[in-house]
PDB file of all heavy atoms in Angstrom:
ATOM      1  N   THR A   1      -3.326  -0.896   5.309  1.00  0.00           N
ATOM      2  CA  THR A   1      -2.297  -1.480   4.499  1.00  0.00           C
ATOM      3  C   THR A   1      -1.361  -0.269   3.953  1.00  0.00           C
ATOM      4  O   THR A   1      -0.162  -0.350   4.043  1.00  0.00           O
ATOM      5  CB  THR A   1      -2.829  -2.253   3.310  1.00  0.00           C
ATOM      6  OG1 THR A   1      -3.678  -3.266   3.809  1.00  0.00           O
ATOM      7  CG2 THR A   1      -1.719  -2.812   2.438  1.00  0.00           C
ATOM      8  N   LYS A   2      -2.019   0.735   3.569  1.00  0.00           N
ATOM      9  CA  LYS A   2      -1.275   1.871   2.953  1.00  0.00           C
ATOM     10  C   LYS A   2      -0.413   2.510   4.090  1.00  0.00           C
ATOM     11  O   LYS A   2       0.717   2.889   3.819  1.00  0.00           O
ATOM     12  CB  LYS A   2      -2.302   2.888   2.372  1.00  0.00           C
ATOM     13  CG  LYS A   2      -1.586   4.139   1.836  1.00  0.00           C
ATOM     14  CD  LYS A   2      -2.624   5.169   1.391  1.00  0.00           C
ATOM     15  CE  LYS A   2      -1.983   6.539   1.073  1.00  0.00           C
ATOM     16  NZ  LYS A   2      -3.028   7.530   0.736  1.00  0.00           N
ATOM     17  N   LYS A   3      -1.032   2.640   5.225  1.00  0.00           N
ATOM     18  CA  LYS A   3      -0.284   3.310   6.386  1.00  0.00           C
ATOM     19  C   LYS A   3       0.988   2.525   6.746  1.00  0.00           C
ATOM     20  O   LYS A   3       2.076   3.089   6.988  1.00  0.00           O
ATOM     21  CB  LYS A   3      -1.168   3.499   7.576  1.00  0.00           C
ATOM     22  CG  LYS A   3      -0.583   4.179   8.782  1.00  0.00           C
ATOM     23  CD  LYS A   3      -1.575   4.625   9.775  1.00  0.00           C
ATOM     24  CE  LYS A   3      -2.205   3.549  10.559  1.00  0.00           C
ATOM     25  NZ  LYS A   3      -3.049   4.030  11.644  1.00  0.00           N
ATOM     26  N   HIS A   4       0.807   1.174   6.806  1.00  0.00           N
ATOM     27  CA  HIS A   4       1.929   0.272   7.173  1.00  0.00           C
ATOM     28  C   HIS A   4       3.026   0.337   6.071  1.00  0.00           C
ATOM     29  O   HIS A   4       4.218   0.297   6.369  1.00  0.00           O
ATOM     30  CB  HIS A   4       1.506  -1.097   7.412  1.00  0.00           C
ATOM     31  CG  HIS A   4       0.854  -1.317   8.760  1.00  0.00           C
ATOM     32  ND1 HIS A   4       1.508  -1.029   9.964  1.00  0.00           N
ATOM     33  CD2 HIS A   4      -0.429  -1.672   9.151  1.00  0.00           C
ATOM     34  CE1 HIS A   4       0.616  -1.272  11.002  1.00  0.00           C
ATOM     35  NE2 HIS A   4      -0.511  -1.609  10.503  1.00  0.00           N
ATOM     36  N   LEU A   5       2.585   0.351   4.810  1.00  0.00           N
ATOM     37  CA  LEU A   5       3.543   0.406   3.758  1.00  0.00           C
ATOM     38  C   LEU A   5       4.371   1.741   3.789  1.00  0.00           C
ATOM     39  O   LEU A   5       5.600   1.733   3.604  1.00  0.00           O
ATOM     40  CB  LEU A   5       2.826   0.368   2.390  1.00  0.00           C
ATOM     41  CG  LEU A   5       2.313  -1.051   1.960  1.00  0.00           C
ATOM     42  CD1 LEU A   5       1.436  -0.894   0.671  1.00  0.00           C
ATOM     43  CD2 LEU A   5       3.437  -2.045   1.743  1.00  0.00           C
ATOM     44  N   LEU A   6       3.686   2.835   4.094  1.00  0.00           N
ATOM     45  CA  LEU A   6       4.371   4.102   4.156  1.00  0.00           C
ATOM     46  C   LEU A   6       5.340   4.143   5.379  1.00  0.00           C
ATOM     47  O   LEU A   6       6.419   4.605   5.304  1.00  0.00           O
ATOM     48  CB  LEU A   6       3.411   5.230   4.238  1.00  0.00           C
ATOM     49  CG  LEU A   6       2.451   5.421   3.053  1.00  0.00           C
ATOM     50  CD1 LEU A   6       1.554   6.598   3.155  1.00  0.00           C
ATOM     51  CD2 LEU A   6       3.255   5.563   1.744  1.00  0.00           C
ATOM     52  N   ARG A   7       4.899   3.600   6.530  1.00  0.00           N
ATOM     53  CA  ARG A   7       5.636   3.602   7.691  1.00  0.00           C
ATOM     54  C   ARG A   7       6.878   2.721   7.632  1.00  0.00           C
ATOM     55  O   ARG A   7       7.946   2.980   8.284  1.00  0.00           O
ATOM     56  CB  ARG A   7       4.804   3.181   8.957  1.00  0.00           C
ATOM     57  CG  ARG A   7       3.843   4.242   9.473  1.00  0.00           C
ATOM     58  CD  ARG A   7       3.128   3.800  10.727  1.00  0.00           C
ATOM     59  NE  ARG A   7       2.329   4.857  11.310  1.00  0.00           N
ATOM     60  CZ  ARG A   7       1.539   4.679  12.377  1.00  0.00           C
ATOM     61  NH1 ARG A   7       1.426   3.469  12.925  1.00  0.00           N
ATOM     62  NH2 ARG A   7       0.848   5.669  12.867  1.00  0.00           N
ATOM     63  N   SER A   8       6.767   1.643   6.827  1.00  0.00           N
ATOM     64  CA  SER A   8       7.842   0.682   6.676  1.00  0.00           C
ATOM     65  C   SER A   8       9.019   1.277   5.940  1.00  0.00           C
ATOM     66  O   SER A   8      10.166   0.799   6.059  1.00  0.00           O
ATOM     67  CB  SER A   8       7.384  -0.597   5.980  1.00  0.00           C
ATOM     68  OG  SER A   8       7.100  -0.318   4.589  1.00  0.00           O
ATOM     69  N   GLY A   9       8.791   2.347   5.195  1.00  0.00           N
ATOM     70  CA  GLY A   9       9.812   2.951   4.387  1.00  0.00           C
ATOM     71  C   GLY A   9      10.140   2.204   3.110  1.00  0.00           C
ATOM     72  O   GLY A   9      11.047   2.624   2.336  1.00  0.00           O
ATOM     73  N   LEU A  10       9.352   1.168   2.817  1.00  0.00           N
ATOM     74  CA  LEU A  10       9.654   0.406   1.596  1.00  0.00           C
ATOM     75  C   LEU A  10       9.258   1.181   0.322  1.00  0.00           C
ATOM     76  O   LEU A  10       9.789   0.986  -0.747  1.00  0.00           O
ATOM     77  CB  LEU A  10       8.854  -0.937   1.655  1.00  0.00           C
ATOM     78  CG  LEU A  10       9.282  -1.947   2.730  1.00  0.00           C
ATOM     79  CD1 LEU A  10       8.279  -3.128   2.733  1.00  0.00           C
ATOM     80  CD2 LEU A  10      10.718  -2.406   2.437  1.00  0.00           C
ATOM     81  N   MET A  11       8.266   2.029   0.462  1.00  0.00           N
ATOM     82  CA  MET A  11       7.795   2.868  -0.561  1.00  0.00           C
ATOM     83  C   MET A  11       7.120   4.122  -0.118  1.00  0.00           C
ATOM     84  O   MET A  11       6.667   4.167   1.047  1.00  0.00           O
ATOM     85  CB  MET A  11       6.856   2.043  -1.515  1.00  0.00           C
ATOM     86  CG  MET A  11       5.587   1.496  -0.848  1.00  0.00           C
ATOM     87  SD  MET A  11       4.742   0.367  -1.890  1.00  0.00           S
ATOM     88  CE  MET A  11       5.811  -1.082  -1.885  1.00  0.00           C
ATOM     89  N   GLY A  12       7.050   5.043  -1.005  1.00  0.00           N
ATOM     90  CA  GLY A  12       6.376   6.346  -0.598  1.00  0.00           C
ATOM     91  C   GLY A  12       4.903   6.272  -1.010  1.00  0.00           C
ATOM     92  O   GLY A  12       4.359   5.181  -1.293  1.00  0.00           O
ATOM     93  N   ASP A  13       4.334   7.449  -0.968  1.00  0.00           N
ATOM     94  CA  ASP A  13       2.867   7.544  -1.337  1.00  0.00           C
ATOM     95  C   ASP A  13       2.698   7.541  -2.881  1.00  0.00           C
ATOM     96  O   ASP A  13       2.405   8.538  -3.516  1.00  0.00           O
ATOM     97  CB  ASP A  13       2.249   8.801  -0.724  1.00  0.00           C
ATOM     98  CG  ASP A  13       0.774   8.911  -0.844  1.00  0.00           C
ATOM     99  OD1 ASP A  13       0.169   7.871  -1.209  1.00  0.00           O
ATOM    100  OD2 ASP A  13       0.099  10.001  -0.562  1.00  0.00           O
ATOM    101  N   THR A  14       2.979   6.441  -3.459  1.00  0.00           N
ATOM    102  CA  THR A  14       3.068   6.237  -4.915  1.00  0.00           C
ATOM    103  C   THR A  14       1.922   5.345  -5.402  1.00  0.00           C
ATOM    104  O   THR A  14       1.190   4.783  -4.672  1.00  0.00           O
ATOM    105  CB  THR A  14       4.472   5.660  -5.317  1.00  0.00           C
ATOM    106  OG1 THR A  14       4.546   4.310  -4.743  1.00  0.00           O
ATOM    107  CG2 THR A  14       5.563   6.502  -4.789  1.00  0.00           C
ATOM    108  N   ILE A  15       1.886   5.244  -6.728  1.00  0.00           N
ATOM    109  CA  ILE A  15       0.882   4.455  -7.364  1.00  0.00           C
ATOM    110  C   ILE A  15       1.073   2.986  -6.961  1.00  0.00           C
ATOM    111  O   ILE A  15       0.106   2.185  -6.829  1.00  0.00           O
ATOM    112  CB  ILE A  15       0.930   4.569  -8.954  1.00  0.00           C
ATOM    113  CG1 ILE A  15       0.323   5.979  -9.298  1.00  0.00           C
ATOM    114  CG2 ILE A  15       0.074   3.462  -9.633  1.00  0.00           C
ATOM    115  CD1 ILE A  15       0.346   6.240 -10.800  1.00  0.00           C
ATOM    116  N   LEU A  16       2.375   2.536  -6.823  1.00  0.00           N
ATOM    117  CA  LEU A  16       2.621   1.100  -6.432  1.00  0.00           C
ATOM    118  C   LEU A  16       1.995   0.864  -5.050  1.00  0.00           C
ATOM    119  O   LEU A  16       1.431  -0.163  -4.845  1.00  0.00           O
ATOM    120  CB  LEU A  16       4.157   0.907  -6.350  1.00  0.00           C
ATOM    121  CG  LEU A  16       4.516  -0.501  -5.954  1.00  0.00           C
ATOM    122  CD1 LEU A  16       3.991  -1.588  -6.887  1.00  0.00           C
ATOM    123  CD2 LEU A  16       6.054  -0.632  -5.892  1.00  0.00           C
ATOM    124  N   ALA A  17       2.173   1.803  -4.115  1.00  0.00           N
ATOM    125  CA  ALA A  17       1.533   1.619  -2.768  1.00  0.00           C
ATOM    126  C   ALA A  17       0.033   1.590  -2.878  1.00  0.00           C
ATOM    127  O   ALA A  17      -0.622   0.771  -2.176  1.00  0.00           O
ATOM    128  CB  ALA A  17       1.974   2.773  -1.837  1.00  0.00           C
ATOM    129  N   HIS A  18      -0.517   2.355  -3.744  1.00  0.00           N
ATOM    130  CA  HIS A  18      -1.984   2.410  -3.932  1.00  0.00           C
ATOM    131  C   HIS A  18      -2.438   1.094  -4.567  1.00  0.00           C
ATOM    132  O   HIS A  18      -3.514   0.609  -4.188  1.00  0.00           O
ATOM    133  CB  HIS A  18      -2.367   3.568  -4.799  1.00  0.00           C
ATOM    134  CG  HIS A  18      -1.933   4.906  -4.294  1.00  0.00           C
ATOM    135  ND1 HIS A  18      -1.710   6.014  -5.165  1.00  0.00           N
ATOM    136  CD2 HIS A  18      -1.518   5.312  -3.040  1.00  0.00           C
ATOM    137  CE1 HIS A  18      -1.265   7.013  -4.453  1.00  0.00           C
ATOM    138  NE2 HIS A  18      -1.166   6.641  -3.155  1.00  0.00           N
ATOM    139  N   PHE A  19      -1.651   0.538  -5.411  1.00  0.00           N
ATOM    140  CA  PHE A  19      -1.971  -0.660  -6.135  1.00  0.00           C
ATOM    141  C   PHE A  19      -1.972  -1.914  -5.166  1.00  0.00           C
ATOM    142  O   PHE A  19      -2.923  -2.628  -5.064  1.00  0.00           O
ATOM    143  CB  PHE A  19      -0.975  -0.979  -7.277  1.00  0.00           C
ATOM    144  CG  PHE A  19      -1.171  -2.327  -7.941  1.00  0.00           C
ATOM    145  CD1 PHE A  19      -1.985  -2.429  -9.007  1.00  0.00           C
ATOM    146  CD2 PHE A  19      -0.515  -3.431  -7.534  1.00  0.00           C
ATOM    147  CE1 PHE A  19      -2.184  -3.682  -9.660  1.00  0.00           C
ATOM    148  CE2 PHE A  19      -0.684  -4.660  -8.153  1.00  0.00           C
ATOM    149  CZ  PHE A  19      -1.580  -4.766  -9.173  1.00  0.00           C
ATOM    150  N   ILE A  20      -0.906  -2.023  -4.309  1.00  0.00           N
ATOM    151  CA  ILE A  20      -0.845  -3.129  -3.365  1.00  0.00           C
ATOM    152  C   ILE A  20      -2.000  -2.979  -2.327  1.00  0.00           C
ATOM    153  O   ILE A  20      -2.631  -3.996  -2.029  1.00  0.00           O
ATOM    154  CB  ILE A  20       0.531  -3.152  -2.697  1.00  0.00           C
ATOM    155  CG1 ILE A  20       1.633  -3.423  -3.694  1.00  0.00           C
ATOM    156  CG2 ILE A  20       0.597  -4.138  -1.514  1.00  0.00           C
ATOM    157  CD1 ILE A  20       3.053  -3.254  -3.136  1.00  0.00           C
ATOM    158  N   SER A  21      -2.261  -1.818  -1.799  1.00  0.00           N
ATOM    159  CA  SER A  21      -3.249  -1.623  -0.813  1.00  0.00           C
ATOM    160  C   SER A  21      -4.639  -1.922  -1.310  1.00  0.00           C
ATOM    161  O   SER A  21      -5.449  -2.588  -0.695  1.00  0.00           O
ATOM    162  CB  SER A  21      -3.232  -0.188  -0.349  1.00  0.00           C
ATOM    163  OG  SER A  21      -1.994   0.140   0.218  1.00  0.00           O
ATOM    164  N   SER A  22      -4.888  -1.474  -2.589  1.00  0.00           N
ATOM    165  CA  SER A  22      -6.193  -1.723  -3.170  1.00  0.00           C
ATOM    166  C   SER A  22      -6.411  -3.203  -3.602  1.00  0.00           C
ATOM    167  O   SER A  22      -7.538  -3.683  -3.415  1.00  0.00           O
ATOM    168  CB  SER A  22      -6.396  -0.798  -4.401  1.00  0.00           C
ATOM    169  OG  SER A  22      -5.419  -0.995  -5.355  1.00  0.00           O
ATOM    170  N   PHE A  23      -5.407  -3.828  -4.046  1.00  0.00           N
ATOM    171  CA  PHE A  23      -5.461  -5.325  -4.377  1.00  0.00           C
ATOM    172  C   PHE A  23      -5.778  -6.087  -3.060  1.00  0.00           C
ATOM    173  O   PHE A  23      -6.675  -7.003  -3.146  1.00  0.00           O
ATOM    174  CB  PHE A  23      -4.181  -5.808  -4.935  1.00  0.00           C
ATOM    175  CG  PHE A  23      -4.165  -7.298  -5.287  1.00  0.00           C
ATOM    176  CD1 PHE A  23      -4.627  -7.693  -6.536  1.00  0.00           C
ATOM    177  CD2 PHE A  23      -3.701  -8.189  -4.392  1.00  0.00           C
ATOM    178  CE1 PHE A  23      -4.608  -9.025  -6.897  1.00  0.00           C
ATOM    179  CE2 PHE A  23      -3.677  -9.519  -4.727  1.00  0.00           C
ATOM    180  CZ  PHE A  23      -4.152  -9.992  -5.934  1.00  0.00           C
ATOM    181  N   THR A  24      -5.129  -5.751  -2.015  1.00  0.00           N
ATOM    182  CA  THR A  24      -5.352  -6.436  -0.698  1.00  0.00           C
ATOM    183  C   THR A  24      -6.810  -6.254  -0.228  1.00  0.00           C
ATOM    184  O   THR A  24      -7.473  -7.205   0.231  1.00  0.00           O
ATOM    185  CB  THR A  24      -4.347  -5.935   0.393  1.00  0.00           C
ATOM    186  OG1 THR A  24      -3.043  -6.144  -0.081  1.00  0.00           O
ATOM    187  CG2 THR A  24      -4.541  -6.687   1.618  1.00  0.00           C
ATOM    188  N   CYS A  25      -7.288  -5.020  -0.312  1.00  0.00           N
ATOM    189  CA  CYS A  25      -8.621  -4.735   0.240  1.00  0.00           C
ATOM    190  C   CYS A  25      -9.707  -5.370  -0.667  1.00  0.00           C
ATOM    191  O   CYS A  25     -10.775  -5.794  -0.164  1.00  0.00           O
ATOM    192  CB  CYS A  25      -8.855  -3.260   0.367  1.00  0.00           C
ATOM    193  SG  CYS A  25      -9.211  -2.282  -1.124  1.00  0.00           S
ATOM    194  N   GLY A  26      -9.412  -5.463  -1.994  1.00  0.00           N
ATOM    195  CA  GLY A  26     -10.344  -6.120  -2.853  1.00  0.00           C
ATOM    196  C   GLY A  26     -10.532  -7.662  -2.524  1.00  0.00           C
ATOM    197  O   GLY A  26     -11.654  -8.155  -2.547  1.00  0.00           O
ATOM    198  N   LEU A  27      -9.460  -8.320  -2.269  1.00  0.00           N
ATOM    199  CA  LEU A  27      -9.492  -9.736  -1.920  1.00  0.00           C
ATOM    200  C   LEU A  27     -10.221  -9.941  -0.575  1.00  0.00           C
ATOM    201  O   LEU A  27     -11.075 -10.790  -0.437  1.00  0.00           O
ATOM    202  CB  LEU A  27      -8.095 -10.248  -1.798  1.00  0.00           C
ATOM    203  CG  LEU A  27      -7.926 -11.760  -1.383  1.00  0.00           C
ATOM    204  CD1 LEU A  27      -8.764 -12.704  -2.317  1.00  0.00           C
ATOM    205  CD2 LEU A  27      -6.477 -12.172  -1.261  1.00  0.00           C
ATOM    206  N   ALA A  28      -9.912  -9.118   0.435  1.00  0.00           N
ATOM    207  CA  ALA A  28     -10.563  -9.213   1.722  1.00  0.00           C
ATOM    208  C   ALA A  28     -12.079  -8.914   1.563  1.00  0.00           C
ATOM    209  O   ALA A  28     -12.854  -9.643   2.201  1.00  0.00           O
ATOM    210  CB  ALA A  28      -9.909  -8.170   2.650  1.00  0.00           C
TER     211      ALA A  28
END
């Protein structure tokens, strides 16, 4: 998830990217 967020250019390696990636992996 983090790799795709960074590759998409929507956000950098920021706390927001870490938040979205960690929320997704917790649900899964």
